[in-house]
Amino acid sequence: MSPSGDRYRVPSGGLPMRAFYLEISAKLIYRSDTDPEDLPADIYSQISEFIRNDEDIIDIEVQALPLPADLGGTASH
């Protein structure tokens, strides 16, 4: 479907939405009860909920590194 097709229209049927290429970089402390092996997929899922079309996701990389206990984590130094 072309960019002027229905999937790019606002829900009310208005004019086609404009597209933007975004690069987002963040380093975060994320606290979760999620199993560390499942955490990247969980974060990916949460981010992708904001994107209307999975084909528009060019690349997402999520790495989860446990913090040492003195920084609020559970890993040893």
N, C-alpha and C. Protein backbone atom coordinates (compact mmCIF):
# COMPACT_ATOMS: atom_id res chain seq x y z
N MET A 1 0.85 -1.17 0.00
CA MET A 1 0.00 0.00 0.00
C MET A 1 0.90 1.24 0.00
N SER A 2 0.55 2.21 -0.74
CA SER A 2 1.36 3.42 -0.87
C SER A 2 1.21 4.31 0.36
N PRO A 3 2.17 5.26 0.56
CA PRO A 3 2.08 6.16 1.71
C PRO A 3 0.78 6.96 1.75
N SER A 4 0.09 7.09 0.61
CA SER A 4 -1.18 7.82 0.62
C SER A 4 -2.35 6.89 0.89
N GLY A 5 -2.06 5.58 1.14
CA GLY A 5 -3.12 4.61 1.41
C GLY A 5 -3.75 4.82 2.78
N ASP A 6 -4.82 4.08 3.04
CA ASP A 6 -5.60 4.26 4.26
C ASP A 6 -4.80 4.01 5.54
N ARG A 7 -3.81 3.12 5.52
CA ARG A 7 -3.11 2.81 6.76
C ARG A 7 -2.29 3.98 7.28
N TYR A 8 -2.05 4.99 6.46
CA TYR A 8 -1.31 6.16 6.89
C TYR A 8 -2.22 7.34 7.20
N ARG A 9 -3.51 7.13 7.19
CA ARG A 9 -4.45 8.21 7.49
C ARG A 9 -4.74 8.23 8.98
N VAL A 10 -5.08 9.40 9.47
CA VAL A 10 -5.47 9.51 10.87
C VAL A 10 -6.75 8.73 11.07
N PRO A 11 -7.02 8.24 12.29
CA PRO A 11 -8.20 7.41 12.52
C PRO A 11 -9.51 8.06 12.08
N SER A 12 -9.61 9.37 12.10
CA SER A 12 -10.86 10.02 11.71
C SER A 12 -11.02 10.10 10.19
N GLY A 13 -10.06 9.55 9.43
CA GLY A 13 -10.15 9.58 7.97
C GLY A 13 -9.63 10.86 7.37
N GLY A 14 -8.88 11.63 8.13
CA GLY A 14 -8.35 12.91 7.66
C GLY A 14 -7.21 12.74 6.66
N LEU A 15 -6.42 13.76 6.52
CA LEU A 15 -5.30 13.76 5.58
C LEU A 15 -4.24 12.75 5.99
N PRO A 16 -3.43 12.28 5.02
CA PRO A 16 -2.35 11.34 5.35
C PRO A 16 -1.39 11.95 6.37
N MET A 17 -0.87 11.08 7.25
CA MET A 17 0.09 11.53 8.25
C MET A 17 1.46 11.70 7.61
N ARG A 18 2.23 12.63 8.11
CA ARG A 18 3.60 12.83 7.65
C ARG A 18 4.49 11.80 8.32
N ALA A 19 5.51 11.32 7.62
CA ALA A 19 6.44 10.33 8.15
C ALA A 19 7.75 11.01 8.53
N PHE A 20 8.37 10.52 9.59
CA PHE A 20 9.65 11.04 10.05
C PHE A 20 10.57 9.87 10.35
N TYR A 21 11.85 10.05 10.09
CA TYR A 21 12.86 9.08 10.50
C TYR A 21 13.38 9.54 11.87
N LEU A 22 13.30 8.67 12.87
CA LEU A 22 13.73 9.02 14.22
C LEU A 22 14.89 8.13 14.65
N GLU A 23 15.83 8.72 15.35
CA GLU A 23 16.86 7.96 16.06
C GLU A 23 16.76 8.36 17.50
N ILE A 24 16.62 7.37 18.37
CA ILE A 24 16.50 7.62 19.80
C ILE A 24 17.60 6.86 20.51
N SER A 25 18.32 7.53 21.36
CA SER A 25 19.38 6.89 22.13
C SER A 25 19.14 7.18 23.59
N ALA A 26 19.15 6.15 24.41
CA ALA A 26 18.91 6.36 25.84
C ALA A 26 19.67 5.31 26.64
N LYS A 27 20.15 5.71 27.77
CA LYS A 27 20.73 4.78 28.75
C LYS A 27 19.91 4.96 30.01
N LEU A 28 19.27 3.87 30.44
CA LEU A 28 18.30 3.95 31.51
C LEU A 28 18.60 2.93 32.60
N ILE A 29 18.16 3.22 33.79
CA ILE A 29 18.08 2.21 34.84
C ILE A 29 16.62 1.80 34.87
N TYR A 30 16.38 0.56 34.62
CA TYR A 30 15.02 0.03 34.52
C TYR A 30 14.85 -1.03 35.60
N ARG A 31 13.91 -0.84 36.47
CA ARG A 31 13.68 -1.79 37.56
C ARG A 31 12.47 -2.65 37.19
N SER A 32 12.66 -3.97 37.28
CA SER A 32 11.59 -4.87 36.85
C SER A 32 11.75 -6.22 37.54
N ASP A 33 10.63 -6.91 37.71
CA ASP A 33 10.64 -8.28 38.22
C ASP A 33 10.76 -9.28 37.07
N THR A 34 10.83 -8.79 35.84
CA THR A 34 10.93 -9.64 34.67
C THR A 34 12.23 -10.42 34.70
N ASP A 35 12.19 -11.67 34.26
CA ASP A 35 13.40 -12.49 34.15
C ASP A 35 14.39 -11.76 33.25
N PRO A 36 15.66 -11.64 33.64
CA PRO A 36 16.64 -10.90 32.84
C PRO A 36 16.74 -11.37 31.38
N GLU A 37 16.51 -12.66 31.14
CA GLU A 37 16.57 -13.17 29.76
C GLU A 37 15.38 -12.68 28.93
N ASP A 38 14.27 -12.38 29.58
CA ASP A 38 13.06 -11.92 28.89
C ASP A 38 12.97 -10.41 28.79
N LEU A 39 13.82 -9.70 29.51
CA LEU A 39 13.72 -8.25 29.58
C LEU A 39 13.85 -7.55 28.23
N PRO A 40 14.86 -7.88 27.38
CA PRO A 40 14.94 -7.19 26.08
C PRO A 40 13.67 -7.35 25.24
N ALA A 41 13.10 -8.54 25.21
CA ALA A 41 11.87 -8.76 24.43
C ALA A 41 10.70 -7.98 25.04
N ASP A 42 10.66 -7.89 26.36
CA ASP A 42 9.60 -7.13 27.03
C ASP A 42 9.70 -5.65 26.69
N ILE A 43 10.90 -5.11 26.72
CA ILE A 43 11.11 -3.70 26.39
C ILE A 43 10.78 -3.46 24.92
N TYR A 44 11.24 -4.33 24.03
CA TYR A 44 10.93 -4.22 22.60
C TYR A 44 9.42 -4.16 22.40
N SER A 45 8.70 -5.05 23.08
CA SER A 45 7.24 -5.09 22.95
C SER A 45 6.61 -3.78 23.39
N GLN A 46 7.09 -3.23 24.49
CA GLN A 46 6.53 -1.97 24.99
C GLN A 46 6.80 -0.82 24.01
N ILE A 47 8.00 -0.78 23.45
CA ILE A 47 8.33 0.27 22.49
C ILE A 47 7.49 0.12 21.22
N SER A 48 7.37 -1.11 20.72
CA SER A 48 6.66 -1.33 19.46
C SER A 48 5.16 -1.05 19.57
N GLU A 49 4.61 -0.99 20.78
CA GLU A 49 3.20 -0.65 20.94
C GLU A 49 2.89 0.76 20.44
N PHE A 50 3.90 1.63 20.41
CA PHE A 50 3.70 3.02 19.99
C PHE A 50 3.82 3.20 18.48
N ILE A 51 4.26 2.16 17.76
CA ILE A 51 4.44 2.24 16.31
C ILE A 51 3.23 1.60 15.65
N ARG A 52 2.56 2.34 14.78
CA ARG A 52 1.33 1.83 14.16
C ARG A 52 1.54 0.63 13.26
N ASN A 53 2.69 0.53 12.62
CA ASN A 53 2.92 -0.51 11.62
C ASN A 53 4.29 -1.14 11.89
N ASP A 54 4.34 -2.45 12.12
CA ASP A 54 5.61 -3.13 12.40
C ASP A 54 6.62 -2.95 11.27
N GLU A 55 6.15 -2.76 10.04
CA GLU A 55 7.05 -2.55 8.91
C GLU A 55 7.83 -1.24 9.04
N ASP A 56 7.33 -0.32 9.87
CA ASP A 56 8.01 0.95 10.05
C ASP A 56 9.15 0.87 11.07
N ILE A 57 9.29 -0.25 11.77
CA ILE A 57 10.40 -0.42 12.70
C ILE A 57 11.61 -0.85 11.90
N ILE A 58 12.58 0.05 11.78
CA ILE A 58 13.78 -0.23 11.00
C ILE A 58 14.74 -1.08 11.81
N ASP A 59 14.97 -0.70 13.06
CA ASP A 59 15.91 -1.43 13.91
C ASP A 59 15.69 -1.01 15.35
N ILE A 60 15.60 -1.96 16.25
CA ILE A 60 15.59 -1.70 17.68
C ILE A 60 16.56 -2.69 18.31
N GLU A 61 17.45 -2.18 19.11
CA GLU A 61 18.38 -3.03 19.84
C GLU A 61 18.22 -2.73 21.33
N VAL A 62 17.97 -3.77 22.10
CA VAL A 62 17.82 -3.62 23.54
C VAL A 62 18.82 -4.55 24.22
N GLN A 63 19.65 -3.98 25.07
CA GLN A 63 20.60 -4.77 25.86
C GLN A 63 20.31 -4.52 27.32
N ALA A 64 20.29 -5.57 28.10
CA ALA A 64 20.04 -5.45 29.54
C ALA A 64 21.24 -6.00 30.29
N LEU A 65 21.89 -5.17 31.06
CA LEU A 65 23.04 -5.56 31.85
C LEU A 65 22.70 -5.40 33.33
N PRO A 66 22.87 -6.45 34.13
CA PRO A 66 22.54 -6.32 35.55
C PRO A 66 23.48 -5.36 36.26
N LEU A 67 22.94 -4.59 37.18
CA LEU A 67 23.73 -3.65 37.96
C LEU A 67 24.30 -4.34 39.20
N PRO A 68 25.46 -3.87 39.68
CA PRO A 68 26.00 -4.40 40.94
C PRO A 68 25.07 -4.06 42.10
N ALA A 69 25.11 -4.84 43.15
CA ALA A 69 24.21 -4.67 44.29
C ALA A 69 24.31 -3.28 44.90
N ASP A 70 25.52 -2.67 44.94
CA ASP A 70 25.64 -1.35 45.55
C ASP A 70 25.03 -0.25 44.70
N LEU A 71 24.61 -0.57 43.49
CA LEU A 71 23.91 0.40 42.65
C LEU A 71 22.43 0.03 42.51
N GLY A 72 21.96 -0.84 43.38
CA GLY A 72 20.55 -1.22 43.37
C GLY A 72 20.25 -2.49 42.59
N GLY A 73 21.28 -3.15 42.08
CA GLY A 73 21.08 -4.37 41.31
C GLY A 73 21.38 -5.60 42.13
N THR A 74 21.62 -6.72 41.44
CA THR A 74 21.88 -7.97 42.12
C THR A 74 23.17 -8.63 41.67
N ALA A 75 23.85 -8.08 40.68
CA ALA A 75 25.08 -8.68 40.17
C ALA A 75 26.26 -8.32 41.06
N SER A 76 27.24 -9.22 41.14
CA SER A 76 28.46 -8.92 41.87
C SER A 76 29.38 -8.11 40.97
N HIS A 77 30.36 -7.40 41.54
CA HIS A 77 31.28 -6.58 40.73
C HIS A 77 32.14 -7.42 39.86
